[in-house]
PDB file of N, CA and C in Angstrom:
ATOM      1  N   MET A   1      -5.286  -3.058 -12.170  1.00  0.00           N
ATOM      2  CA  MET A   1      -5.295  -2.380 -10.988  1.00  0.00           C
ATOM      3  C   MET A   1      -6.526  -3.351 -10.645  1.00  0.00           C
ATOM      4  N   ASN A   2      -5.963  -3.876  -9.667  1.00  0.00           N
ATOM      5  CA  ASN A   2      -7.447  -5.184  -8.643  1.00  0.00           C
ATOM      6  C   ASN A   2      -7.584  -4.324  -7.458  1.00  0.00           C
ATOM      7  N   VAL A   3      -8.932  -3.782  -7.086  1.00  0.00           N
ATOM      8  CA  VAL A   3      -8.953  -3.122  -5.529  1.00  0.00           C
ATOM      9  C   VAL A   3     -10.289  -3.305  -5.153  1.00  0.00           C
ATOM     10  N   THR A   4     -10.197  -3.729  -3.982  1.00  0.00           N
ATOM     11  CA  THR A   4     -11.595  -3.756  -2.911  1.00  0.00           C
ATOM     12  C   THR A   4     -11.921  -3.155  -2.274  1.00  0.00           C
ATOM     13  N   ILE A   5     -12.366  -2.564  -2.388  1.00  0.00           N
ATOM     14  CA  ILE A   5     -12.729  -1.905  -0.948  1.00  0.00           C
ATOM     15  C   ILE A   5     -13.716  -2.323   0.301  1.00  0.00           C
ATOM     16  N   LEU A   6     -13.249  -2.416   1.349  1.00  0.00           N
ATOM     17  CA  LEU A   6     -14.041  -2.593   2.496  1.00  0.00           C
ATOM     18  C   LEU A   6     -14.738  -1.979   3.195  1.00  0.00           C
ATOM     19  N   ASN A   7     -16.034  -1.700   3.654  1.00  0.00           N
ATOM     20  CA  ASN A   7     -16.458  -0.687   4.194  1.00  0.00           C
ATOM     21  C   ASN A   7     -16.810  -0.560   5.744  1.00  0.00           C
ATOM     22  N   THR A   8     -16.288  -2.094   6.070  1.00  0.00           N
ATOM     23  CA  THR A   8     -16.873  -2.684   7.494  1.00  0.00           C
ATOM     24  C   THR A   8     -15.054  -2.098   8.208  1.00  0.00           C
ATOM     25  N   SER A   9     -13.709  -1.928   7.224  1.00  0.00           N
ATOM     26  CA  SER A   9     -12.848  -2.004   7.749  1.00  0.00           C
ATOM     27  C   SER A   9     -12.395  -0.946   8.318  1.00  0.00           C
ATOM     28  N   GLU A  10     -11.494  -1.251   9.534  1.00  0.00           N
ATOM     29  CA  GLU A  10     -11.113   0.172  10.542  1.00  0.00           C
ATOM     30  C   GLU A  10     -10.438   0.869   9.585  1.00  0.00           C
ATOM     31  N   LYS A  11      -9.329  -0.077   8.370  1.00  0.00           N
ATOM     32  CA  LYS A  11      -8.198   1.519   8.402  1.00  0.00           C
ATOM     33  C   LYS A  11      -9.077   1.962   6.896  1.00  0.00           C
ATOM     34  N   PRO A  12      -8.662   3.495   6.753  1.00  0.00           N
ATOM     35  CA  PRO A  12      -8.595   4.723   5.957  1.00  0.00           C
ATOM     36  C   PRO A  12      -9.136   4.125   4.500  1.00  0.00           C
ATOM     37  N   ILE A  13     -10.308   4.545   3.370  1.00  0.00           N
ATOM     38  CA  ILE A  13     -10.245   3.279   2.101  1.00  0.00           C
ATOM     39  C   ILE A  13      -9.450   3.806   1.505  1.00  0.00           C
ATOM     40  N   TYR A  14      -8.627   5.718   1.642  1.00  0.00           N
ATOM     41  CA  TYR A  14      -7.512   5.757   0.704  1.00  0.00           C
ATOM     42  C   TYR A  14      -6.122   4.883   1.600  1.00  0.00           C
ATOM     43  N   GLN A  15      -6.137   4.005   2.530  1.00  0.00           N
ATOM     44  CA  GLN A  15      -5.108   3.371   2.934  1.00  0.00           C
ATOM     45  C   GLN A  15      -5.262   2.244   2.473  1.00  0.00           C
ATOM     46  N   GLN A  16      -6.577   1.312   2.319  1.00  0.00           N
ATOM     47  CA  GLN A  16      -6.844   0.684   1.327  1.00  0.00           C
ATOM     48  C   GLN A  16      -6.735   0.345   0.213  1.00  0.00           C
ATOM     49  N   ILE A  17      -6.361   1.242  -0.366  1.00  0.00           N
ATOM     50  CA  ILE A  17      -6.295   1.795  -2.322  1.00  0.00           C
ATOM     51  C   ILE A  17      -4.853   1.232  -2.014  1.00  0.00           C
ATOM     52  N   TYR A  18      -4.274   2.595  -1.080  1.00  0.00           N
ATOM     53  CA  TYR A  18      -2.257   2.435  -1.436  1.00  0.00           C
ATOM     54  C   TYR A  18      -2.104   0.947  -1.210  1.00  0.00           C
ATOM     55  N   GLU A  19      -2.807   0.575   0.310  1.00  0.00           N
ATOM     56  CA  GLU A  19      -2.014  -0.864   0.299  1.00  0.00           C
ATOM     57  C   GLU A  19      -2.191  -1.592  -0.818  1.00  0.00           C
ATOM     58  N   GLN A  20      -3.190  -2.007  -1.398  1.00  0.00           N
ATOM     59  CA  GLN A  20      -3.303  -2.360  -2.165  1.00  0.00           C
ATOM     60  C   GLN A  20      -2.859  -2.577  -3.683  1.00  0.00           C
ATOM     61  N   ILE A  21      -2.570  -1.124  -4.205  1.00  0.00           N
ATOM     62  CA  ILE A  21      -2.152  -1.241  -5.071  1.00  0.00           C
ATOM     63  C   ILE A  21       0.101  -1.249  -5.289  1.00  0.00           C
ATOM     64  N   SER A  22       0.324  -0.919  -3.929  1.00  0.00           N
ATOM     65  CA  SER A  22       1.823  -1.201  -3.344  1.00  0.00           C
ATOM     66  C   SER A  22       1.851  -1.855  -3.376  1.00  0.00           C
ATOM     67  N   ALA A  23       1.443  -3.040  -3.311  1.00  0.00           N
ATOM     68  CA  ALA A  23       1.294  -4.677  -2.769  1.00  0.00           C
ATOM     69  C   ALA A  23       1.238  -5.344  -5.066  1.00  0.00           C
ATOM     70  N   GLN A  24       0.194  -5.459  -5.202  1.00  0.00           N
ATOM     71  CA  GLN A  24       0.747  -5.101  -6.280  1.00  0.00           C
ATOM     72  C   GLN A  24       1.799  -4.834  -7.767  1.00  0.00           C
ATOM     73  N   ILE A  25       1.884  -3.663  -7.231  1.00  0.00           N
ATOM     74  CA  ILE A  25       3.691  -3.100  -7.894  1.00  0.00           C
ATOM     75  C   ILE A  25       4.710  -3.793  -6.818  1.00  0.00           C
ATOM     76  N   LEU A  26       4.744  -4.552  -5.791  1.00  0.00           N
ATOM     77  CA  LEU A  26       5.528  -5.221  -5.410  1.00  0.00           C
ATOM     78  C   LEU A  26       5.528  -6.964  -5.432  1.00  0.00           C
ATOM     79  N   LYS A  27       4.535  -6.893  -5.674  1.00  0.00           N
ATOM     80  CA  LYS A  27       4.544  -8.571  -6.127  1.00  0.00           C
ATOM     81  C   LYS A  27       5.311  -8.380  -8.018  1.00  0.00           C
ATOM     82  N   GLY A  28       4.923  -7.189  -8.463  1.00  0.00           N
ATOM     83  CA  GLY A  28       5.640  -7.209 -10.052  1.00  0.00           C
ATOM     84  C   GLY A  28       4.125  -7.852 -10.949  1.00  0.00           C
ATOM     85  N   GLU A  29       2.759  -7.023 -10.021  1.00  0.00           N
ATOM     86  CA  GLU A  29       1.228  -7.283 -10.888  1.00  0.00           C
ATOM     87  C   GLU A  29       1.309  -6.064 -11.872  1.00  0.00           C
ATOM     88  N   LEU A  30       1.647  -4.643 -11.066  1.00  0.00           N
ATOM     89  CA  LEU A  30       1.469  -4.090 -12.156  1.00  0.00           C
ATOM     90  C   LEU A  30       3.114  -3.565 -12.545  1.00  0.00           C
ATOM     91  N   GLU A  31       3.792  -3.639 -13.487  1.00  0.00           N
ATOM     92  CA  GLU A  31       5.226  -3.544 -13.600  1.00  0.00           C
ATOM     93  C   GLU A  31       6.094  -2.189 -14.144  1.00  0.00           C
ATOM     94  N   SER A  32       6.380  -1.694 -14.023  1.00  0.00           N
ATOM     95  CA  SER A  32       7.216  -0.534 -14.244  1.00  0.00           C
ATOM     96  C   SER A  32       6.341   0.262 -15.990  1.00  0.00           C
ATOM     97  N   GLY A  33       6.131   1.091 -15.890  1.00  0.00           N
ATOM     98  CA  GLY A  33       5.354   1.453 -17.023  1.00  0.00           C
ATOM     99  C   GLY A  33       3.763   1.895 -17.038  1.00  0.00           C
ATOM    100  N   TYR A  34       3.221   1.274 -15.890  1.00  0.00           N
ATOM    101  CA  TYR A  34       1.940   0.901 -15.999  1.00  0.00           C
ATOM    102  C   TYR A  34       1.391   2.036 -16.066  1.00  0.00           C
ATOM    103  N   CYS A  35      -0.232   2.361 -16.294  1.00  0.00           N
ATOM    104  CA  CYS A  35      -0.138   3.738 -16.418  1.00  0.00           C
ATOM    105  C   CYS A  35      -1.520   3.604 -15.184  1.00  0.00           C
ATOM    106  N   LEU A  36      -1.512   4.017 -14.196  1.00  0.00           N
ATOM    107  CA  LEU A  36      -2.147   4.307 -13.215  1.00  0.00           C
ATOM    108  C   LEU A  36      -3.780   5.097 -14.096  1.00  0.00           C
ATOM    109  N   PRO A  37      -5.760   4.307 -13.771  1.00  0.00           N
ATOM    110  CA  PRO A  37      -6.452   5.162 -14.039  1.00  0.00           C
ATOM    111  C   PRO A  37      -5.879   6.712 -13.885  1.00  0.00           C
ATOM    112  N   PRO A  38      -6.566   7.588 -14.208  1.00  0.00           N
ATOM    113  CA  PRO A  38      -6.573   9.140 -13.660  1.00  0.00           C
ATOM    114  C   PRO A  38      -7.366   8.707 -12.630  1.00  0.00           C
ATOM    115  N   ILE A  39      -7.000   9.745 -11.282  1.00  0.00           N
ATOM    116  CA  ILE A  39      -7.578   9.711 -10.288  1.00  0.00           C
ATOM    117  C   ILE A  39      -9.491   9.921 -10.303  1.00  0.00           C
ATOM    118  N   ARG A  40      -9.928  10.729 -11.043  1.00  0.00           N
ATOM    119  CA  ARG A  40     -11.571  10.674 -11.102  1.00  0.00           C
ATOM    120  C   ARG A  40     -11.814   9.610 -11.711  1.00  0.00           C
ATOM    121  N   GLN A  41     -11.327   8.427 -13.053  1.00  0.00           N
ATOM    122  CA  GLN A  41     -12.006   7.962 -12.994  1.00  0.00           C
ATOM    123  C   GLN A  41     -11.855   6.315 -12.009  1.00  0.00           C
ATOM    124  N   ALA A  42     -10.336   6.746 -11.717  1.00  0.00           N
ATOM    125  CA  ALA A  42      -9.978   5.777 -10.157  1.00  0.00           C
ATOM    126  C   ALA A  42     -11.478   5.713  -9.343  1.00  0.00           C
ATOM    127  N   ALA A  43     -12.064   7.066  -9.058  1.00  0.00           N
ATOM    128  CA  ALA A  43     -13.168   7.365  -8.069  1.00  0.00           C
ATOM    129  C   ALA A  43     -14.212   7.339  -8.451  1.00  0.00           C
ATOM    130  N   LEU A  44     -14.578   6.923  -9.467  1.00  0.00           N
ATOM    131  CA  LEU A  44     -15.896   6.693 -10.188  1.00  0.00           C
ATOM    132  C   LEU A  44     -15.917   5.086 -10.153  1.00  0.00           C
ATOM    133  N   GLU A  45     -14.940   4.694 -10.787  1.00  0.00           N
ATOM    134  CA  GLU A  45     -15.441   2.396 -10.691  1.00  0.00           C
ATOM    135  C   GLU A  45     -15.278   1.868  -9.009  1.00  0.00           C
ATOM    136  N   LEU A  46     -14.279   2.904  -8.098  1.00  0.00           N
ATOM    137  CA  LEU A  46     -13.870   2.409  -7.373  1.00  0.00           C
ATOM    138  C   LEU A  46     -15.318   3.156  -6.155  1.00  0.00           C
ATOM    139  N   ARG A  47     -16.376   4.292  -6.578  1.00  0.00           N
ATOM    140  CA  ARG A  47     -17.412   4.474  -5.624  1.00  0.00           C
ATOM    141  C   ARG A  47     -17.143   5.405  -4.511  1.00  0.00           C
ATOM    142  N   VAL A  48     -15.288   5.732  -4.776  1.00  0.00           N
ATOM    143  CA  VAL A  48     -15.126   6.791  -3.897  1.00  0.00           C
ATOM    144  C   VAL A  48     -15.068   7.894  -4.182  1.00  0.00           C
ATOM    145  N   SER A  49     -14.443   9.261  -2.825  1.00  0.00           N
ATOM    146  CA  SER A  49     -14.535  10.401  -3.560  1.00  0.00           C
ATOM    147  C   SER A  49     -13.239  10.600  -4.693  1.00  0.00           C
ATOM    148  N   VAL A  50     -12.829  11.929  -5.291  1.00  0.00           N
ATOM    149  CA  VAL A  50     -11.702  12.263  -5.659  1.00  0.00           C
ATOM    150  C   VAL A  50     -10.085  12.387  -4.551  1.00  0.00           C
ATOM    151  N   ILE A  51     -10.901  12.939  -3.588  1.00  0.00           N
ATOM    152  CA  ILE A  51     -10.324  12.773  -2.584  1.00  0.00           C
ATOM    153  C   ILE A  51      -9.317  11.993  -2.386  1.00  0.00           C
ATOM    154  N   THR A  52     -10.251  11.279  -1.922  1.00  0.00           N
ATOM    155  CA  THR A  52      -9.226   9.200  -1.485  1.00  0.00           C
ATOM    156  C   THR A  52      -8.214   8.993  -2.538  1.00  0.00           C
ATOM    157  N   VAL A  53      -8.729   9.367  -3.602  1.00  0.00           N
ATOM    158  CA  VAL A  53      -7.747   8.416  -4.741  1.00  0.00           C
ATOM    159  C   VAL A  53      -6.772   8.966  -4.378  1.00  0.00           C
ATOM    160  N   LYS A  54      -6.801  10.483  -4.305  1.00  0.00           N
ATOM    161  CA  LYS A  54      -5.611  11.736  -4.569  1.00  0.00           C
ATOM    162  C   LYS A  54      -4.674  11.592  -3.439  1.00  0.00           C
ATOM    163  N   LYS A  55      -5.574  11.014  -2.534  1.00  0.00           N
ATOM    164  CA  LYS A  55      -4.401  10.852  -1.263  1.00  0.00           C
ATOM    165  C   LYS A  55      -4.077  10.097  -1.361  1.00  0.00           C
ATOM    166  N   ALA A  56      -4.319   8.924  -1.812  1.00  0.00           N
ATOM    167  CA  ALA A  56      -3.395   6.509  -1.932  1.00  0.00           C
ATOM    168  C   ALA A  56      -2.582   7.746  -2.947  1.00  0.00           C
ATOM    169  N   TRP A  57      -3.195   7.933  -4.092  1.00  0.00           N
ATOM    170  CA  TRP A  57      -2.163   8.368  -5.209  1.00  0.00           C
ATOM    171  C   TRP A  57      -1.010   9.154  -4.694  1.00  0.00           C
ATOM    172  N   GLU A  58      -0.729   9.837  -3.677  1.00  0.00           N
ATOM    173  CA  GLU A  58      -0.204  10.993  -3.503  1.00  0.00           C
ATOM    174  C   GLU A  58       0.922  10.375  -2.354  1.00  0.00           C
ATOM    175  N   GLU A  59       0.577   8.989  -1.619  1.00  0.00           N
ATOM    176  CA  GLU A  59       1.442   8.164  -0.691  1.00  0.00           C
ATOM    177  C   GLU A  59       1.843   7.641  -1.600  1.00  0.00           C
ATOM    178  N   LEU A  60       1.277   6.695  -2.440  1.00  0.00           N
ATOM    179  CA  LEU A  60       2.082   5.612  -3.915  1.00  0.00           C
ATOM    180  C   LEU A  60       3.442   6.473  -4.480  1.00  0.00           C
ATOM    181  N   GLU A  61       2.923   7.966  -4.005  1.00  0.00           N
ATOM    182  CA  GLU A  61       4.340   8.708  -5.030  1.00  0.00           C
ATOM    183  C   GLU A  61       5.436   9.390  -3.927  1.00  0.00           C
ATOM    184  N   ARG A  62       4.541   9.341  -2.793  1.00  0.00           N
ATOM    185  CA  ARG A  62       5.404  10.272  -1.365  1.00  0.00           C
ATOM    186  C   ARG A  62       6.541   8.733  -1.149  1.00  0.00           C
ATOM    187  N   ILE A  63       6.198   8.046  -1.223  1.00  0.00           N
ATOM    188  CA  ILE A  63       7.348   6.505  -1.035  1.00  0.00           C
ATOM    189  C   ILE A  63       8.162   5.515  -2.309  1.00  0.00           C
ATOM    190  N   GLY A  64       7.771   6.639  -3.172  1.00  0.00           N
ATOM    191  CA  GLY A  64       8.242   6.384  -4.700  1.00  0.00           C
ATOM    192  C   GLY A  64       7.992   4.746  -5.890  1.00  0.00           C
ATOM    193  N   LEU A  65       7.151   4.781  -5.439  1.00  0.00           N
ATOM    194  CA  LEU A  65       6.533   4.033  -6.097  1.00  0.00           C
ATOM    195  C   LEU A  65       6.170   3.833  -7.681  1.00  0.00           C
ATOM    196  N   ILE A  66       5.176   5.229  -7.626  1.00  0.00           N
ATOM    197  CA  ILE A  66       4.537   5.343  -8.415  1.00  0.00           C
ATOM    198  C   ILE A  66       5.349   7.004  -8.914  1.00  0.00           C
ATOM    199  N   ASN A  67       5.090   7.856 -10.215  1.00  0.00           N
ATOM    200  CA  ASN A  67       6.068   8.908 -10.847  1.00  0.00           C
ATOM    201  C   ASN A  67       4.482   9.489 -11.453  1.00  0.00           C
ATOM    202  N   THR A  68       4.168  10.818 -11.230  1.00  0.00           N
ATOM    203  CA  THR A  68       3.140  11.419 -12.495  1.00  0.00           C
ATOM    204  C   THR A  68       3.940  12.331 -13.053  1.00  0.00           C
ATOM    205  N   VAL A  69       3.297  12.467 -14.334  1.00  0.00           N
ATOM    206  CA  VAL A  69       3.880  12.986 -15.100  1.00  0.00           C
ATOM    207  C   VAL A  69       2.902  14.080 -15.560  1.00  0.00           C
ATOM    208  N   THR A  70       3.314  15.442 -15.147  1.00  0.00           N
ATOM    209  CA  THR A  70       2.185  16.314 -16.113  1.00  0.00           C
ATOM    210  C   THR A  70       1.809  16.069 -17.473  1.00  0.00           C
ATOM    211  N   GLY A  71       0.224  16.240 -17.221  1.00  0.00           N
ATOM    212  CA  GLY A  71      -0.968  15.899 -18.303  1.00  0.00           C
ATOM    213  C   GLY A  71      -0.157  14.510 -18.816  1.00  0.00           C
ATOM    214  N   LYS A  72       0.333  13.658 -18.472  1.00  0.00           N
ATOM    215  CA  LYS A  72       0.371  12.399 -19.355  1.00  0.00           C
ATOM    216  C   LYS A  72      -0.338  11.285 -17.981  1.00  0.00           C
ATOM    217  N   GLY A  73       0.367  11.565 -16.634  1.00  0.00           N
ATOM    218  CA  GLY A  73      -0.898  10.373 -15.860  1.00  0.00           C
ATOM    219  C   GLY A  73       0.063  10.406 -14.512  1.00  0.00           C
ATOM    220  N   CYS A  74      -0.200   8.846 -13.719  1.00  0.00           N
ATOM    221  CA  CYS A  74       0.396   8.001 -12.886  1.00  0.00           C
ATOM    222  C   CYS A  74       0.861   7.388 -13.981  1.00  0.00           C
ATOM    223  N   PHE A  75       2.597   6.568 -13.421  1.00  0.00           N
ATOM    224  CA  PHE A  75       2.768   5.488 -13.841  1.00  0.00           C
ATOM    225  C   PHE A  75       4.005   5.224 -12.353  1.00  0.00           C
ATOM    226  N   VAL A  76       3.649   3.596 -13.292  1.00  0.00           N
ATOM    227  CA  VAL A  76       4.608   2.610 -12.039  1.00  0.00           C
ATOM    228  C   VAL A  76       5.913   2.929 -12.348  1.00  0.00           C
ATOM    229  N   ALA A  77       7.056   3.657 -10.979  1.00  0.00           N
ATOM    230  CA  ALA A  77       7.977   4.185 -11.032  1.00  0.00           C
ATOM    231  C   ALA A  77       9.101   2.001 -11.535  1.00  0.00           C
ATOM    232  N   GLU A  78      10.411   2.852 -12.619  1.00  0.00           N
ATOM    233  CA  GLU A  78      11.391   1.785 -12.507  1.00  0.00           C
ATOM    234  C   GLU A  78      12.353   1.638 -11.399  1.00  0.00           C
ATOM    235  N   PHE A  79      12.192  -0.056 -11.117  1.00  0.00           N
ATOM    236  CA  PHE A  79      13.161  -0.190 -10.046  1.00  0.00           C
ATOM    237  C   PHE A  79      14.257  -1.366 -10.285  1.00  0.00           C
ATOM    238  N   THR A  80      15.288  -1.068  -8.856  1.00  0.00           N
ATOM    239  CA  THR A  80      15.890  -2.401  -9.274  1.00  0.00           C
ATOM    240  C   THR A  80      15.337  -2.823  -7.864  1.00  0.00           C
ATOM    241  N   ALA A  81      16.453  -3.786  -8.196  1.00  0.00           N
ATOM    242  CA  ALA A  81      15.761  -5.451  -7.598  1.00  0.00           C
ATOM    243  C   ALA A  81      16.032  -4.751  -5.744  1.00  0.00           C
ATOM    244  N   GLU A  82      17.198  -4.403  -5.987  1.00  0.00           N
ATOM    245  CA  GLU A  82      17.802  -3.381  -5.198  1.00  0.00           C
ATOM    246  C   GLU A  82      16.611  -2.657  -3.906  1.00  0.00           C
ATOM    247  N   GLU A  83      16.582  -1.601  -5.229  1.00  0.00           N
ATOM    248  CA  GLU A  83      14.752  -0.781  -4.666  1.00  0.00           C
ATOM    249  C   GLU A  83      13.990  -1.486  -4.012  1.00  0.00           C
ATOM    250  N   MET A  84      13.429  -2.113  -4.759  1.00  0.00           N
ATOM    251  CA  MET A  84      12.009  -2.968  -5.030  1.00  0.00           C
ATOM    252  C   MET A  84      12.493  -3.721  -3.504  1.00  0.00           C
ATOM    253  N   SER A  85      13.247  -4.195  -2.797  1.00  0.00           N
ATOM    254  CA  SER A  85      13.485  -5.084  -1.040  1.00  0.00           C
ATOM    255  C   SER A  85      13.520  -3.926  -0.694  1.00  0.00           C
ATOM    256  N   ARG A  86      14.885  -2.547  -1.266  1.00  0.00           N
ATOM    257  CA  ARG A  86      14.287  -1.618   0.032  1.00  0.00           C
ATOM    258  C   ARG A  86      12.731  -0.857   0.546  1.00  0.00           C
ATOM    259  N   ILE A  87      12.210  -0.831  -0.459  1.00  0.00           N
ATOM    260  CA  ILE A  87      10.890  -0.363  -0.291  1.00  0.00           C
ATOM    261  C   ILE A  87       9.925  -1.538   0.729  1.00  0.00           C
ATOM    262  N   ARG A  88       9.506  -2.831   0.185  1.00  0.00           N
ATOM    263  CA  ARG A  88       9.463  -3.613   0.555  1.00  0.00           C
ATOM    264  C   ARG A  88       9.480  -3.450   1.982  1.00  0.00           C
ATOM    265  N   SER A  89      10.985  -3.853   2.890  1.00  0.00           N
ATOM    266  CA  SER A  89      11.121  -3.707   3.920  1.00  0.00           C
ATOM    267  C   SER A  89      10.850  -2.899   4.655  1.00  0.00           C
ATOM    268  N   GLU A  90      10.729  -1.713   3.991  1.00  0.00           N
ATOM    269  CA  GLU A  90      10.377  -0.007   4.735  1.00  0.00           C
ATOM    270  C   GLU A  90       9.081  -0.801   5.225  1.00  0.00           C
ATOM    271  N   MET A  91       8.228  -1.082   4.223  1.00  0.00           N
ATOM    272  CA  MET A  91       6.845  -0.984   4.631  1.00  0.00           C
ATOM    273  C   MET A  91       6.494  -2.126   5.144  1.00  0.00           C
ATOM    274  N   ILE A  92       7.017  -3.174   5.404  1.00  0.00           N
ATOM    275  CA  ILE A  92       7.144  -4.219   6.065  1.00  0.00           C
ATOM    276  C   ILE A  92       6.978  -3.887   8.217  1.00  0.00           C
ATOM    277  N   LEU A  93       8.162  -3.168   7.561  1.00  0.00           N
ATOM    278  CA  LEU A  93       9.128  -2.652   8.820  1.00  0.00           C
ATOM    279  C   LEU A  93       8.140  -1.377   9.868  1.00  0.00           C
ATOM    280  N   LYS A  94       6.978  -0.546   9.174  1.00  0.00           N
ATOM    281  CA  LYS A  94       6.787   0.256   9.393  1.00  0.00           C
ATOM    282  C   LYS A  94       5.526  -0.470   9.532  1.00  0.00           C
ATOM    283  N   GLN A  95       5.000  -1.515   9.229  1.00  0.00           N
ATOM    284  CA  GLN A  95       3.452  -2.010   9.754  1.00  0.00           C
ATOM    285  C   GLN A  95       3.802  -2.697  10.772  1.00  0.00           C
ATOM    286  N   MET A  96       4.777  -2.902  10.974  1.00  0.00           N
ATOM    287  CA  MET A  96       6.146  -4.014  12.420  1.00  0.00           C
ATOM    288  C   MET A  96       5.590  -3.950  13.794  1.00  0.00           C
ATOM    289  N   GLU A  97       6.473  -1.862  13.250  1.00  0.00           N
ATOM    290  CA  GLU A  97       6.099  -1.620  14.067  1.00  0.00           C
ATOM    291  C   GLU A  97       5.074  -1.257  14.940  1.00  0.00           C
ATOM    292  N   SER A  98       3.867  -1.016  14.355  1.00  0.00           N
ATOM    293  CA  SER A  98       2.112  -0.216  14.708  1.00  0.00           C
ATOM    294  C   SER A  98       1.818  -1.604  15.142  1.00  0.00           C
ATOM    295  N   ASP A  99       2.351  -3.056  14.624  1.00  0.00           N
ATOM    296  CA  ASP A  99       1.260  -3.535  15.060  1.00  0.00           C
ATOM    297  C   ASP A  99       2.285  -4.351  16.506  1.00  0.00           C
ATOM    298  N   ALA A 100       3.544  -4.528  16.538  1.00  0.00           N
ATOM    299  CA  ALA A 100       4.211  -4.233  18.289  1.00  0.00           C
ATOM    300  C   ALA A 100       3.907  -3.572  18.745  1.00  0.00           C
ATOM    301  N   SER A 101       3.014  -2.590  19.009  1.00  0.00           N
ATOM    302  CA  SER A 101       3.290  -1.500  19.805  1.00  0.00           C
ATOM    303  C   SER A 101       2.013  -1.143  20.387  1.00  0.00           C
ATOM    304  N   TYR A 102       0.476  -2.304  19.207  1.00  0.00           N
ATOM    305  CA  TYR A 102      -0.137  -3.150  19.926  1.00  0.00           C
ATOM    306  C   TYR A 102      -0.053  -3.895  20.841  1.00  0.00           C
ATOM    307  N   TYR A 103       0.603  -5.118  20.675  1.00  0.00           N
ATOM    308  CA  TYR A 103       0.037  -6.426  21.048  1.00  0.00           C
ATOM    309  C   TYR A 103       1.063  -5.806  22.548  1.00  0.00           C
ATOM    310  N   LYS A 104       1.995  -5.002  22.497  1.00  0.00           N
ATOM    311  CA  LYS A 104       3.481  -5.220  24.167  1.00  0.00           C
ATOM    312  C   LYS A 104       2.130  -3.846  24.727  1.00  0.00           C
ATOM    313  N   SER A 105       0.978  -3.273  24.137  1.00  0.00           N
ATOM    314  CA  SER A 105       0.082  -2.656  25.059  1.00  0.00           C
ATOM    315  C   SER A 105      -0.842  -3.744  25.953  1.00  0.00           C
ATOM    316  N   PHE A 106      -0.943  -4.841  25.520  1.00  0.00           N
ATOM    317  CA  PHE A 106      -1.923  -5.815  26.058  1.00  0.00           C
ATOM    318  C   PHE A 106      -0.473  -6.659  26.994  1.00  0.00           C
ATOM    319  N   GLY A 107       1.141  -6.860  26.878  1.00  0.00           N
ATOM    320  CA  GLY A 107       1.950  -7.242  27.947  1.00  0.00           C
ATOM    321  C   GLY A 107       2.285  -8.497  26.893  1.00  0.00           C
ATOM    322  N   VAL A 108       1.893  -8.609  25.516  1.00  0.00           N
ATOM    323  CA  VAL A 108       2.246  -9.786  25.334  1.00  0.00           C
ATOM    324  C   VAL A 108       3.837  -9.799  25.136  1.00  0.00           C
ATOM    325  N   THR A 109       4.611 -11.091  25.103  1.00  0.00           N
ATOM    326  CA  THR A 109       6.321 -10.998  25.218  1.00  0.00           C
ATOM    327  C   THR A 109       6.364 -11.635  23.930  1.00  0.00           C
ATOM    328  N   LEU A 110       8.644 -11.117  23.527  1.00  0.00           N
ATOM    329  CA  LEU A 110       8.102 -11.463  21.722  1.00  0.00           C
ATOM    330  C   LEU A 110       8.056 -13.000  21.489  1.00  0.00           C
ATOM    331  N   ASP A 111       8.492 -13.666  22.506  1.00  0.00           N
ATOM    332  CA  ASP A 111       8.181 -15.073  22.278  1.00  0.00           C
ATOM    333  C   ASP A 111       6.950 -15.555  22.106  1.00  0.00           C
ATOM    334  N   GLU A 112       5.895 -15.109  22.666  1.00  0.00           N
ATOM    335  CA  GLU A 112       4.660 -15.215  22.666  1.00  0.00           C
ATOM    336  C   GLU A 112       4.042 -14.673  21.154  1.00  0.00           C
ATOM    337  N   MET A 113       4.821 -13.551  20.636  1.00  0.00           N
ATOM    338  CA  MET A 113       3.892 -13.090  19.463  1.00  0.00           C
ATOM    339  C   MET A 113       5.210 -13.664  18.504  1.00  0.00           C
ATOM    340  N   VAL A 114       5.690 -14.138  18.759  1.00  0.00           N
ATOM    341  CA  VAL A 114       6.297 -15.081  16.923  1.00  0.00           C
ATOM    342  C   VAL A 114       5.874 -16.077  17.662  1.00  0.00           C
ATOM    343  N   GLU A 115       5.381 -17.004  18.492  1.00  0.00           N
ATOM    344  CA  GLU A 115       4.189 -18.412  18.729  1.00  0.00           C
ATOM    345  C   GLU A 115       3.332 -17.814  17.816  1.00  0.00           C
ATOM    346  N   LEU A 116       2.436 -16.596  18.134  1.00  0.00           N
ATOM    347  CA  LEU A 116       1.606 -16.774  17.690  1.00  0.00           C
ATOM    348  C   LEU A 116       1.293 -16.223  16.429  1.00  0.00           C
ATOM    349  N   LEU A 117       2.270 -15.583  15.864  1.00  0.00           N
ATOM    350  CA  LEU A 117       2.271 -15.620  13.959  1.00  0.00           C
ATOM    351  C   LEU A 117       2.711 -16.817  13.715  1.00  0.00           C
ATOM    352  N   LYS A 118       3.393 -17.875  13.952  1.00  0.00           N
ATOM    353  CA  LYS A 118       3.654 -18.791  13.602  1.00  0.00           C
ATOM    354  C   LYS A 118       2.271 -19.560  13.585  1.00  0.00           C
ATOM    355  N   LYS A 119       1.271 -19.583  14.395  1.00  0.00           N
ATOM    356  CA  LYS A 119       0.196 -19.813  14.411  1.00  0.00           C
ATOM    357  C   LYS A 119      -0.409 -19.975  13.384  1.00  0.00           C
ATOM    358  N   ILE A 120      -0.510 -18.075  12.852  1.00  0.00           N
ATOM    359  CA  ILE A 120      -1.743 -17.511  11.351  1.00  0.00           C
ATOM    360  C   ILE A 120      -0.259 -17.789   9.892  1.00  0.00           C
ATOM    361  N   TYR A 121       0.673 -18.057  10.274  1.00  0.00           N
ATOM    362  CA  TYR A 121       1.164 -17.851   8.787  1.00  0.00           C
ATOM    363  C   TYR A 121       1.233 -19.062   7.952  1.00  0.00           C
TER     364      TYR A 121
END
């Protein structure tokens, strides 16, 4: 597990942790069965509050990327390729919805968004 916290980011710290770990799981960098560090240990290593890490772990569990086993810890869930694809698509669409709303507020058209995306991609 490799997480970098950017204190200058507008994103809350729990969201930075959540996004980075979910990306590592979805890319296969953290395999099924991988045991995440205990919340307190992760908080110490990342130099953030226990509540922040707990919130990130809860979000990972809410969408099904990790499972908590009482007394044992939090583990990366097992997925079929279809489940992994579905979760990935849901996460991407959720982010794109948010981004699209923001750009629409500036009056940016779909064609303009596509052109801008092509430039940065």
